[in-house]
């Protein structure tokens, strides 16, 4: 029986979540401009940024720090496990997704500029244009082939960028599916969510796409992450649920206890449970 426990956190708008190198959960508070830290079983701590900066995605970096995007302030941020923050300004571009790459750098999406960015751990930035305009590149992840996979929300496609900046784009079969979250699966493929179509997608390294409709096609799946059970777990922002999908396509969904909690990011926690950020003001712990 899957159990869900909610843990209220201070601040406004928990959005994305990851496990840090210190064995704590780190999360963004998009509406109050904060980074939060929670060790399961202890009280949360918050670190204040510019209140209007709009921190969105946060990930563990290759340098034992956490890296995050500031969507509204057009910056990339770095926070140490002790709470020291460094910010790197960008041209106006709306950075959103960010992920550590196999090259020891962080790669990020520029939603408003049709570019993929790369930032080294000492703050050197390079930008790579996409072959499409108005594509709204969203989430990004390291792929199984040495490249970075990313979603093109408005171009209805999945992209790949190599370490040399070369970009390949693979269309999604379902029209206007609007992919958002993406993650590497345990099967050597990338898995993504289609927020407008209510489906989970799988894409191989050579661009073959398989789609799996959710029981509730109006659930607006938002984020996806590998779990500790050889499945992938995802959030249903519009359905107030979390779900799992096995690599052969078996889907299970689980209601969240608070109506309208708006689940966004999801990650495997340091305690081997799944944790999701609920925009209404809490983190939820899910034990399969």
C-alpha atoms as a PDB file:
ATOM      1  CA  UNK A   1       0.000   0.000   0.000  1.00  0.00           C
ATOM      2  CA  UNK A   2       1.439   3.351  -1.062  1.00  0.00           C
ATOM      3  CA  UNK A   3       1.498   5.867   1.801  1.00  0.00           C
ATOM      4  CA  UNK A   4       1.652   9.658   1.458  1.00  0.00           C
ATOM      5  CA  UNK A   5       2.695  12.049   4.239  1.00  0.00           C
ATOM      6  CA  UNK A   6       2.708  15.839   3.885  1.00  0.00           C
ATOM      7  CA  UNK A   7       5.270  18.069   5.575  1.00  0.00           C
ATOM      8  CA  UNK A   8       4.491  21.792   5.639  1.00  0.00           C
ATOM      9  CA  UNK A   9       7.431  24.080   4.861  1.00  0.00           C
ATOM     10  CA  UNK A  10       7.856  27.852   5.320  1.00  0.00           C
ATOM     11  CA  UNK A  11       7.869  30.121   2.304  1.00  0.00           C
ATOM     12  CA  UNK A  12       5.584  30.281  -0.676  1.00  0.00           C
ATOM     13  CA  UNK A  13       5.346  27.903  -3.611  1.00  0.00           C
ATOM     14  CA  UNK A  14       7.473  24.737  -3.312  1.00  0.00           C
ATOM     15  CA  UNK A  15       8.224  23.904  -6.925  1.00  0.00           C
ATOM     16  CA  UNK A  16      11.216  21.620  -7.646  1.00  0.00           C
ATOM     17  CA  UNK A  17      13.087  19.204  -5.397  1.00  0.00           C
ATOM     18  CA  UNK A  18      16.294  17.164  -5.433  1.00  0.00           C
ATOM     19  CA  UNK A  19      18.571  15.252  -3.083  1.00  0.00           C
ATOM     20  CA  UNK A  20      21.790  17.051  -2.244  1.00  0.00           C
ATOM     21  CA  UNK A  21      25.285  15.685  -1.588  1.00  0.00           C
ATOM     22  CA  UNK A  22      24.696  16.240   2.140  1.00  0.00           C
ATOM     23  CA  UNK A  23      21.849  13.742   2.377  1.00  0.00           C
ATOM     24  CA  UNK A  24      19.202  16.488   2.579  1.00  0.00           C
ATOM     25  CA  UNK A  25      16.320  17.451   0.327  1.00  0.00           C
ATOM     26  CA  UNK A  26      16.753  20.805  -1.405  1.00  0.00           C
ATOM     27  CA  UNK A  27      13.828  22.584  -3.015  1.00  0.00           C
ATOM     28  CA  UNK A  28      12.853  25.867  -4.632  1.00  0.00           C
ATOM     29  CA  UNK A  29      10.140  28.227  -3.400  1.00  0.00           C
ATOM     30  CA  UNK A  30       9.157  29.922  -6.630  1.00  0.00           C
ATOM     31  CA  UNK A  31       6.800  32.573  -5.241  1.00  0.00           C
ATOM     32  CA  UNK A  32       8.873  33.768  -2.277  1.00  0.00           C
ATOM     33  CA  UNK A  33      12.298  33.551  -3.920  1.00  0.00           C
ATOM     34  CA  UNK A  34      13.872  31.061  -1.542  1.00  0.00           C
ATOM     35  CA  UNK A  35      15.829  27.818  -1.491  1.00  0.00           C
ATOM     36  CA  UNK A  36      14.757  25.326   1.148  1.00  0.00           C
ATOM     37  CA  UNK A  37      16.592  22.450   2.800  1.00  0.00           C
ATOM     38  CA  UNK A  38      15.017  19.566   4.683  1.00  0.00           C
ATOM     39  CA  UNK A  39      16.631  16.592   6.356  1.00  0.00           C
ATOM     40  CA  UNK A  40      13.851  14.012   6.730  1.00  0.00           C
ATOM     41  CA  UNK A  41      12.718  14.000  10.340  1.00  0.00           C
ATOM     42  CA  UNK A  42      14.108  17.478  11.095  1.00  0.00           C
ATOM     43  CA  UNK A  43      12.885  21.055  10.729  1.00  0.00           C
ATOM     44  CA  UNK A  44      13.328  22.789   7.330  1.00  0.00           C
ATOM     45  CA  UNK A  45      15.699  25.696   6.705  1.00  0.00           C
ATOM     46  CA  UNK A  46      15.236  28.432   4.095  1.00  0.00           C
ATOM     47  CA  UNK A  47      17.734  30.701   2.336  1.00  0.00           C
ATOM     48  CA  UNK A  48      16.443  33.972   0.923  1.00  0.00           C
ATOM     49  CA  UNK A  49      17.173  35.119  -2.637  1.00  0.00           C
ATOM     50  CA  UNK A  50      15.692  38.111  -4.418  1.00  0.00           C
ATOM     51  CA  UNK A  51      11.975  37.633  -3.600  1.00  0.00           C
ATOM     52  CA  UNK A  52      11.080  38.267  -7.252  1.00  0.00           C
ATOM     53  CA  UNK A  53      13.735  35.968  -8.769  1.00  0.00           C
ATOM     54  CA  UNK A  54      11.447  32.985  -9.387  1.00  0.00           C
ATOM     55  CA  UNK A  55      13.747  30.055  -8.591  1.00  0.00           C
ATOM     56  CA  UNK A  56      12.496  27.021 -10.471  1.00  0.00           C
ATOM     57  CA  UNK A  57      14.531  23.846 -11.074  1.00  0.00           C
ATOM     58  CA  UNK A  58      17.275  22.742  -8.665  1.00  0.00           C
ATOM     59  CA  UNK A  59      19.794  19.913  -9.065  1.00  0.00           C
ATOM     60  CA  UNK A  60      22.898  18.549  -7.405  1.00  0.00           C
ATOM     61  CA  UNK A  61      26.018  19.735  -9.221  1.00  0.00           C
ATOM     62  CA  UNK A  62      29.344  17.988  -9.811  1.00  0.00           C
ATOM     63  CA  UNK A  63      31.026  20.231  -7.216  1.00  0.00           C
ATOM     64  CA  UNK A  64      29.147  19.184  -4.056  1.00  0.00           C
ATOM     65  CA  UNK A  65      26.837  22.198  -4.344  1.00  0.00           C
ATOM     66  CA  UNK A  66      23.283  22.726  -5.597  1.00  0.00           C
ATOM     67  CA  UNK A  67      22.563  24.631  -8.810  1.00  0.00           C
ATOM     68  CA  UNK A  68      19.264  26.260  -9.735  1.00  0.00           C
ATOM     69  CA  UNK A  69      17.625  28.507 -12.307  1.00  0.00           C
ATOM     70  CA  UNK A  70      16.119  31.904 -11.518  1.00  0.00           C
ATOM     71  CA  UNK A  71      13.446  32.141 -14.182  1.00  0.00           C
ATOM     72  CA  UNK A  72      12.317  35.711 -13.561  1.00  0.00           C
ATOM     73  CA  UNK A  73      15.745  37.181 -12.717  1.00  0.00           C
ATOM     74  CA  UNK A  74      17.533  35.532 -15.690  1.00  0.00           C
ATOM     75  CA  UNK A  75      20.262  34.035 -13.543  1.00  0.00           C
ATOM     76  CA  UNK A  76      21.834  30.702 -12.683  1.00  0.00           C
ATOM     77  CA  UNK A  77      22.357  30.216  -8.959  1.00  0.00           C
ATOM     78  CA  UNK A  78      24.671  28.041  -6.901  1.00  0.00           C
ATOM     79  CA  UNK A  79      24.207  27.289  -3.214  1.00  0.00           C
ATOM     80  CA  UNK A  80      26.628  25.370  -1.035  1.00  0.00           C
ATOM     81  CA  UNK A  81      25.388  22.873   1.518  1.00  0.00           C
ATOM     82  CA  UNK A  82      26.185  25.529   4.109  1.00  0.00           C
ATOM     83  CA  UNK A  83      23.880  28.046   2.427  1.00  0.00           C
ATOM     84  CA  UNK A  84      26.352  30.348   0.635  1.00  0.00           C
ATOM     85  CA  UNK A  85      24.797  31.618  -2.614  1.00  0.00           C
ATOM     86  CA  UNK A  86      26.529  32.730  -5.817  1.00  0.00           C
ATOM     87  CA  UNK A  87      24.529  34.021  -8.782  1.00  0.00           C
ATOM     88  CA  UNK A  88      25.553  34.237 -12.431  1.00  0.00           C
ATOM     89  CA  UNK A  89      23.661  36.725 -14.629  1.00  0.00           C
ATOM     90  CA  UNK A  90      22.501  35.778 -18.117  1.00  0.00           C
ATOM     91  CA  UNK A  91      21.075  37.713 -21.041  1.00  0.00           C
ATOM     92  CA  UNK A  92      17.291  37.954 -20.746  1.00  0.00           C
ATOM     93  CA  UNK A  93      16.271  34.376 -21.549  1.00  0.00           C
ATOM     94  CA  UNK A  94      13.995  32.830 -18.907  1.00  0.00           C
ATOM     95  CA  UNK A  95      16.204  29.942 -17.717  1.00  0.00           C
ATOM     96  CA  UNK A  96      14.130  27.009 -16.502  1.00  0.00           C
ATOM     97  CA  UNK A  97      15.519  23.463 -16.653  1.00  0.00           C
ATOM     98  CA  UNK A  98      19.019  22.609 -15.445  1.00  0.00           C
ATOM     99  CA  UNK A  99      20.976  19.356 -15.158  1.00  0.00           C
ATOM    100  CA  UNK A 100      24.517  18.187 -14.582  1.00  0.00           C
ATOM    101  CA  UNK A 101      26.188  16.932 -17.737  1.00  0.00           C
ATOM    102  CA  UNK A 102      28.775  14.192 -18.289  1.00  0.00           C
ATOM    103  CA  UNK A 103      31.371  16.897 -19.004  1.00  0.00           C
ATOM    104  CA  UNK A 104      31.423  18.291 -15.462  1.00  0.00           C
ATOM    105  CA  UNK A 105      29.331  21.356 -16.380  1.00  0.00           C
ATOM    106  CA  UNK A 106      25.669  22.287 -15.890  1.00  0.00           C
ATOM    107  CA  UNK A 107      23.368  22.535 -18.902  1.00  0.00           C
ATOM    108  CA  UNK A 108      20.201  24.627 -18.865  1.00  0.00           C
ATOM    109  CA  UNK A 109      17.297  25.671 -21.064  1.00  0.00           C
ATOM    110  CA  UNK A 110      16.489  29.229 -22.115  1.00  0.00           C
ATOM    111  CA  UNK A 111      12.721  29.249 -22.576  1.00  0.00           C
ATOM    112  CA  UNK A 112      12.481  32.753 -24.037  1.00  0.00           C
ATOM    113  CA  UNK A 113      15.558  32.671 -26.260  1.00  0.00           C
ATOM    114  CA  UNK A 114      15.424  29.320 -28.115  1.00  0.00           C
ATOM    115  CA  UNK A 115      18.816  28.337 -26.764  1.00  0.00           C
ATOM    116  CA  UNK A 116      20.480  25.717 -24.605  1.00  0.00           C
ATOM    117  CA  UNK A 117      23.083  27.061 -22.202  1.00  0.00           C
ATOM    118  CA  UNK A 118      26.109  25.518 -20.536  1.00  0.00           C
ATOM    119  CA  UNK A 119      27.786  26.851 -17.396  1.00  0.00           C
ATOM    120  CA  UNK A 120      30.994  25.576 -15.865  1.00  0.00           C
ATOM    121  CA  UNK A 121      31.369  25.344 -12.106  1.00  0.00           C
ATOM    122  CA  UNK A 122      33.419  28.551 -12.154  1.00  0.00           C
ATOM    123  CA  UNK A 123      30.658  30.434 -13.974  1.00  0.00           C
ATOM    124  CA  UNK A 124      31.747  30.443 -17.625  1.00  0.00           C
ATOM    125  CA  UNK A 125      28.654  30.447 -19.855  1.00  0.00           C
ATOM    126  CA  UNK A 126      28.239  29.247 -23.441  1.00  0.00           C
ATOM    127  CA  UNK A 127      24.975  29.336 -25.392  1.00  0.00           C
ATOM    128  CA  UNK A 128      23.825  27.206 -28.320  1.00  0.00           C
ATOM    129  CA  UNK A 129      20.947  28.236 -30.617  1.00  0.00           C
ATOM    130  CA  UNK A 130      18.170  25.788 -31.421  1.00  0.00           C
ATOM    131  CA  UNK A 131      17.042  25.170 -35.019  1.00  0.00           C
ATOM    132  CA  UNK A 132      13.454  26.192 -34.193  1.00  0.00           C
ATOM    133  CA  UNK A 133      11.875  29.412 -32.925  1.00  0.00           C
ATOM    134  CA  UNK A 134       9.246  29.742 -30.230  1.00  0.00           C
ATOM    135  CA  UNK A 135      10.024  26.193 -29.089  1.00  0.00           C
ATOM    136  CA  UNK A 136      10.052  26.974 -25.339  1.00  0.00           C
ATOM    137  CA  UNK A 137      12.786  24.502 -24.287  1.00  0.00           C
ATOM    138  CA  UNK A 138      11.816  23.320 -20.817  1.00  0.00           C
ATOM    139  CA  UNK A 139      13.308  20.446 -18.814  1.00  0.00           C
ATOM    140  CA  UNK A 140      16.726  18.920 -19.529  1.00  0.00           C
ATOM    141  CA  UNK A 141      18.551  15.781 -18.398  1.00  0.00           C
ATOM    142  CA  UNK A 142      21.734  13.861 -19.066  1.00  0.00           C
ATOM    143  CA  UNK A 143      21.094  11.106 -21.595  1.00  0.00           C
ATOM    144  CA  UNK A 144      22.539   7.606 -21.808  1.00  0.00           C
ATOM    145  CA  UNK A 145      24.637   8.452 -24.887  1.00  0.00           C
ATOM    146  CA  UNK A 146      26.783  11.313 -23.604  1.00  0.00           C
ATOM    147  CA  UNK A 147      24.376  14.029 -24.748  1.00  0.00           C
ATOM    148  CA  UNK A 148      21.689  16.061 -23.012  1.00  0.00           C
ATOM    149  CA  UNK A 149      18.021  15.426 -23.737  1.00  0.00           C
ATOM    150  CA  UNK A 150      15.466  18.212 -23.406  1.00  0.00           C
ATOM    151  CA  UNK A 151      11.810  18.910 -24.038  1.00  0.00           C
ATOM    152  CA  UNK A 152      10.586  21.479 -26.560  1.00  0.00           C
ATOM    153  CA  UNK A 153       7.247  22.345 -25.031  1.00  0.00           C
ATOM    154  CA  UNK A 154       5.857  24.468 -27.867  1.00  0.00           C
ATOM    155  CA  UNK A 155       7.586  22.653 -30.736  1.00  0.00           C
ATOM    156  CA  UNK A 156       6.097  19.320 -29.629  1.00  0.00           C
ATOM    157  CA  UNK A 157       9.446  17.586 -29.765  1.00  0.00           C
ATOM    158  CA  UNK A 158      12.341  16.122 -27.817  1.00  0.00           C
ATOM    159  CA  UNK A 159      15.795  17.504 -28.495  1.00  0.00           C
ATOM    160  CA  UNK A 160      19.324  16.279 -27.952  1.00  0.00           C
ATOM    161  CA  UNK A 161      22.447  18.404 -27.710  1.00  0.00           C
ATOM    162  CA  UNK A 162      25.928  16.965 -27.809  1.00  0.00           C
ATOM    163  CA  UNK A 163      28.929  18.315 -25.974  1.00  0.00           C
ATOM    164  CA  UNK A 164      29.942  19.998 -29.238  1.00  0.00           C
ATOM    165  CA  UNK A 165      26.645  21.917 -29.354  1.00  0.00           C
ATOM    166  CA  UNK A 166      25.141  19.923 -32.236  1.00  0.00           C
ATOM    167  CA  UNK A 167      21.352  19.675 -31.866  1.00  0.00           C
ATOM    168  CA  UNK A 168      18.982  16.963 -33.088  1.00  0.00           C
ATOM    169  CA  UNK A 169      15.192  17.298 -32.819  1.00  0.00           C
ATOM    170  CA  UNK A 170      12.703  14.407 -32.766  1.00  0.00           C
ATOM    171  CA  UNK A 171       8.967  15.209 -33.122  1.00  0.00           C
ATOM    172  CA  UNK A 172       6.364  13.656 -30.816  1.00  0.00           C
ATOM    173  CA  UNK A 173       3.593  11.702 -32.595  1.00  0.00           C
ATOM    174  CA  UNK A 174       0.725  13.270 -30.634  1.00  0.00           C
ATOM    175  CA  UNK A 175       0.001  16.819 -31.772  1.00  0.00           C
ATOM    176  CA  UNK A 176       0.131  19.634 -29.209  1.00  0.00           C
ATOM    177  CA  UNK A 177       1.295  17.271 -26.450  1.00  0.00           C
ATOM    178  CA  UNK A 178       3.429  20.023 -24.816  1.00  0.00           C
ATOM    179  CA  UNK A 179       6.183  17.938 -23.156  1.00  0.00           C
ATOM    180  CA  UNK A 180       7.642  19.318 -19.914  1.00  0.00           C
ATOM    181  CA  UNK A 181       9.541  17.011 -17.532  1.00  0.00           C
ATOM    182  CA  UNK A 182      12.170  14.555 -18.767  1.00  0.00           C
ATOM    183  CA  UNK A 183      14.428  12.019 -17.050  1.00  0.00           C
ATOM    184  CA  UNK A 184      16.746   9.147 -17.898  1.00  0.00           C
ATOM    185  CA  UNK A 185      15.190   5.765 -17.210  1.00  0.00           C
ATOM    186  CA  UNK A 186      16.812   2.530 -16.032  1.00  0.00           C
ATOM    187  CA  UNK A 187      16.290   1.023 -19.504  1.00  0.00           C
ATOM    188  CA  UNK A 188      18.692   3.250 -21.469  1.00  0.00           C
ATOM    189  CA  UNK A 189      15.908   5.501 -22.770  1.00  0.00           C
ATOM    190  CA  UNK A 190      14.599   8.940 -21.845  1.00  0.00           C
ATOM    191  CA  UNK A 191      11.127   9.300 -20.356  1.00  0.00           C
ATOM    192  CA  UNK A 192       9.041  12.470 -20.493  1.00  0.00           C
ATOM    193  CA  UNK A 193       5.592  13.777 -19.613  1.00  0.00           C
ATOM    194  CA  UNK A 194       3.093  15.364 -21.994  1.00  0.00           C
ATOM    195  CA  UNK A 195       1.256  17.966 -19.928  1.00  0.00           C
ATOM    196  CA  UNK A 196      -1.367  18.803 -22.571  1.00  0.00           C
ATOM    197  CA  UNK A 197      -2.023  15.252 -23.773  1.00  0.00           C
ATOM    198  CA  UNK A 198      -2.075  13.393 -20.448  1.00  0.00           C
ATOM    199  CA  UNK A 199       0.537  10.875 -21.524  1.00  0.00           C
ATOM    200  CA  UNK A 200       3.948   9.542 -20.573  1.00  0.00           C
ATOM    201  CA  UNK A 201       6.458   9.278 -23.395  1.00  0.00           C
ATOM    202  CA  UNK A 202       9.585   7.188 -23.938  1.00  0.00           C
ATOM    203  CA  UNK A 203      12.263   8.004 -26.513  1.00  0.00           C
ATOM    204  CA  UNK A 204      15.231   5.874 -27.479  1.00  0.00           C
ATOM    205  CA  UNK A 205      18.640   7.292 -28.343  1.00  0.00           C
ATOM    206  CA  UNK A 206      17.804   6.954 -32.050  1.00  0.00           C
ATOM    207  CA  UNK A 207      14.566   8.932 -31.681  1.00  0.00           C
ATOM    208  CA  UNK A 208      11.899   6.215 -31.529  1.00  0.00           C
ATOM    209  CA  UNK A 209       8.965   7.473 -29.438  1.00  0.00           C
ATOM    210  CA  UNK A 210       6.389   5.372 -27.572  1.00  0.00           C
ATOM    211  CA  UNK A 211       3.487   7.009 -25.735  1.00  0.00           C
ATOM    212  CA  UNK A 212       1.472   5.695 -22.800  1.00  0.00           C
ATOM    213  CA  UNK A 213      -1.910   7.368 -22.101  1.00  0.00           C
ATOM    214  CA  UNK A 214      -2.687   8.035 -18.444  1.00  0.00           C
ATOM    215  CA  UNK A 215      -6.004   6.907 -16.923  1.00  0.00           C
ATOM    216  CA  UNK A 216      -6.926  10.607 -16.563  1.00  0.00           C
ATOM    217  CA  UNK A 217      -5.957  12.383 -19.773  1.00  0.00           C
ATOM    218  CA  UNK A 218      -6.759  15.767 -18.157  1.00  0.00           C
ATOM    219  CA  UNK A 219      -4.341  15.264 -15.244  1.00  0.00           C
ATOM    220  CA  UNK A 220      -1.595  17.513 -16.692  1.00  0.00           C
ATOM    221  CA  UNK A 221       1.541  15.512 -15.802  1.00  0.00           C
ATOM    222  CA  UNK A 222       4.379  17.879 -14.978  1.00  0.00           C
ATOM    223  CA  UNK A 223       7.604  16.242 -13.758  1.00  0.00           C
ATOM    224  CA  UNK A 224       9.152  12.778 -13.896  1.00  0.00           C
ATOM    225  CA  UNK A 225      12.064  11.116 -12.094  1.00  0.00           C
ATOM    226  CA  UNK A 226      13.496   7.626 -11.604  1.00  0.00           C
ATOM    227  CA  UNK A 227      12.479   5.908  -8.391  1.00  0.00           C
ATOM    228  CA  UNK A 228      14.296   3.304  -6.390  1.00  0.00           C
ATOM    229  CA  UNK A 229      11.987   0.546  -7.615  1.00  0.00           C
ATOM    230  CA  UNK A 230      13.039   0.330 -11.307  1.00  0.00           C
ATOM    231  CA  UNK A 231      10.039   2.478 -12.237  1.00  0.00           C
ATOM    232  CA  UNK A 232       9.688   6.168 -13.036  1.00  0.00           C
ATOM    233  CA  UNK A 233       7.534   8.419 -10.889  1.00  0.00           C
ATOM    234  CA  UNK A 234       5.640  11.473 -12.096  1.00  0.00           C
ATOM    235  CA  UNK A 235       3.367  14.211 -10.817  1.00  0.00           C
ATOM    236  CA  UNK A 236      -0.131  14.983 -12.053  1.00  0.00           C
ATOM    237  CA  UNK A 237      -0.390  18.710 -11.449  1.00  0.00           C
ATOM    238  CA  UNK A 238      -3.995  18.939 -12.604  1.00  0.00           C
ATOM    239  CA  UNK A 239      -5.090  15.609 -11.115  1.00  0.00           C
ATOM    240  CA  UNK A 240      -3.688  16.076  -7.594  1.00  0.00           C
ATOM    241  CA  UNK A 241      -1.877  12.769  -7.849  1.00  0.00           C
ATOM    242  CA  UNK A 242       1.494  11.119  -8.209  1.00  0.00           C
ATOM    243  CA  UNK A 243       2.005   8.065 -10.361  1.00  0.00           C
ATOM    244  CA  UNK A 244       4.503   5.468 -11.428  1.00  0.00           C
ATOM    245  CA  UNK A 245       5.210   3.766 -14.720  1.00  0.00           C
ATOM    246  CA  UNK A 246       7.307   0.663 -15.249  1.00  0.00           C
ATOM    247  CA  UNK A 247       9.607   0.378 -18.232  1.00  0.00           C
ATOM    248  CA  UNK A 248       7.052  -1.904 -19.903  1.00  0.00           C
ATOM    249  CA  UNK A 249       4.311   0.697 -19.495  1.00  0.00           C
ATOM    250  CA  UNK A 250       2.335  -0.421 -16.424  1.00  0.00           C
ATOM    251  CA  UNK A 251       0.874   2.679 -14.743  1.00  0.00           C
ATOM    252  CA  UNK A 252      -0.345   3.196 -11.173  1.00  0.00           C
ATOM    253  CA  UNK A 253      -1.608   6.493  -9.719  1.00  0.00           C
ATOM    254  CA  UNK A 254      -2.084   7.649  -6.134  1.00  0.00           C
ATOM    255  CA  UNK A 255      -4.236  10.499  -4.836  1.00  0.00           C
ATOM    256  CA  UNK A 256      -2.677  13.166  -2.653  1.00  0.00           C
ATOM    257  CA  UNK A 257      -4.440  13.851   0.657  1.00  0.00           C
ATOM    258  CA  UNK A 258      -4.928  17.629   0.279  1.00  0.00           C
ATOM    259  CA  UNK A 259      -7.199  18.801  -2.563  1.00  0.00           C
ATOM    260  CA  UNK A 260      -5.626  21.249  -4.988  1.00  0.00           C
ATOM    261  CA  UNK A 261      -2.084  20.723  -3.687  1.00  0.00           C
ATOM    262  CA  UNK A 262      -0.494  21.270  -7.139  1.00  0.00           C
ATOM    263  CA  UNK A 263       2.350  18.722  -7.230  1.00  0.00           C
ATOM    264  CA  UNK A 264       5.286  19.839  -9.356  1.00  0.00           C
ATOM    265  CA  UNK A 265       8.818  18.447  -8.950  1.00  0.00           C
ATOM    266  CA  UNK A 266       9.519  14.906  -7.772  1.00  0.00           C
ATOM    267  CA  UNK A 267      12.728  13.138  -6.748  1.00  0.00           C
ATOM    268  CA  UNK A 268      14.051  10.112  -4.936  1.00  0.00           C
ATOM    269  CA  UNK A 269      14.954  11.209  -1.429  1.00  0.00           C
ATOM    270  CA  UNK A 270      17.894  10.270   0.791  1.00  0.00           C
ATOM    271  CA  UNK A 271      15.558   7.964   2.731  1.00  0.00           C
ATOM    272  CA  UNK A 272      14.677   5.905  -0.397  1.00  0.00           C
ATOM    273  CA  UNK A 273      11.170   7.401  -0.512  1.00  0.00           C
ATOM    274  CA  UNK A 274       9.822   9.622  -3.284  1.00  0.00           C
ATOM    275  CA  UNK A 275       9.350  13.281  -2.427  1.00  0.00           C
ATOM    276  CA  UNK A 276       7.300  15.801  -4.346  1.00  0.00           C
ATOM    277  CA  UNK A 277       7.002  19.573  -4.004  1.00  0.00           C
ATOM    278  CA  UNK A 278       3.412  20.754  -3.510  1.00  0.00           C
ATOM    279  CA  UNK A 279       2.910  24.360  -4.561  1.00  0.00           C
ATOM    280  CA  UNK A 280       0.243  24.894  -1.912  1.00  0.00           C
ATOM    281  CA  UNK A 281       2.987  24.839   0.733  1.00  0.00           C
ATOM    282  CA  UNK A 282       4.320  21.392   1.565  1.00  0.00           C
ATOM    283  CA  UNK A 283       6.546  18.506   0.581  1.00  0.00           C
ATOM    284  CA  UNK A 284       4.952  15.099   0.270  1.00  0.00           C
ATOM    285  CA  UNK A 285       6.752  11.854   1.097  1.00  0.00           C
ATOM    286  CA  UNK A 286       5.576   8.829  -0.876  1.00  0.00           C
ATOM    287  CA  UNK A 287       6.513   5.316   0.179  1.00  0.00           C
ATOM    288  CA  UNK A 288       5.597   2.662  -2.401  1.00  0.00           C
END
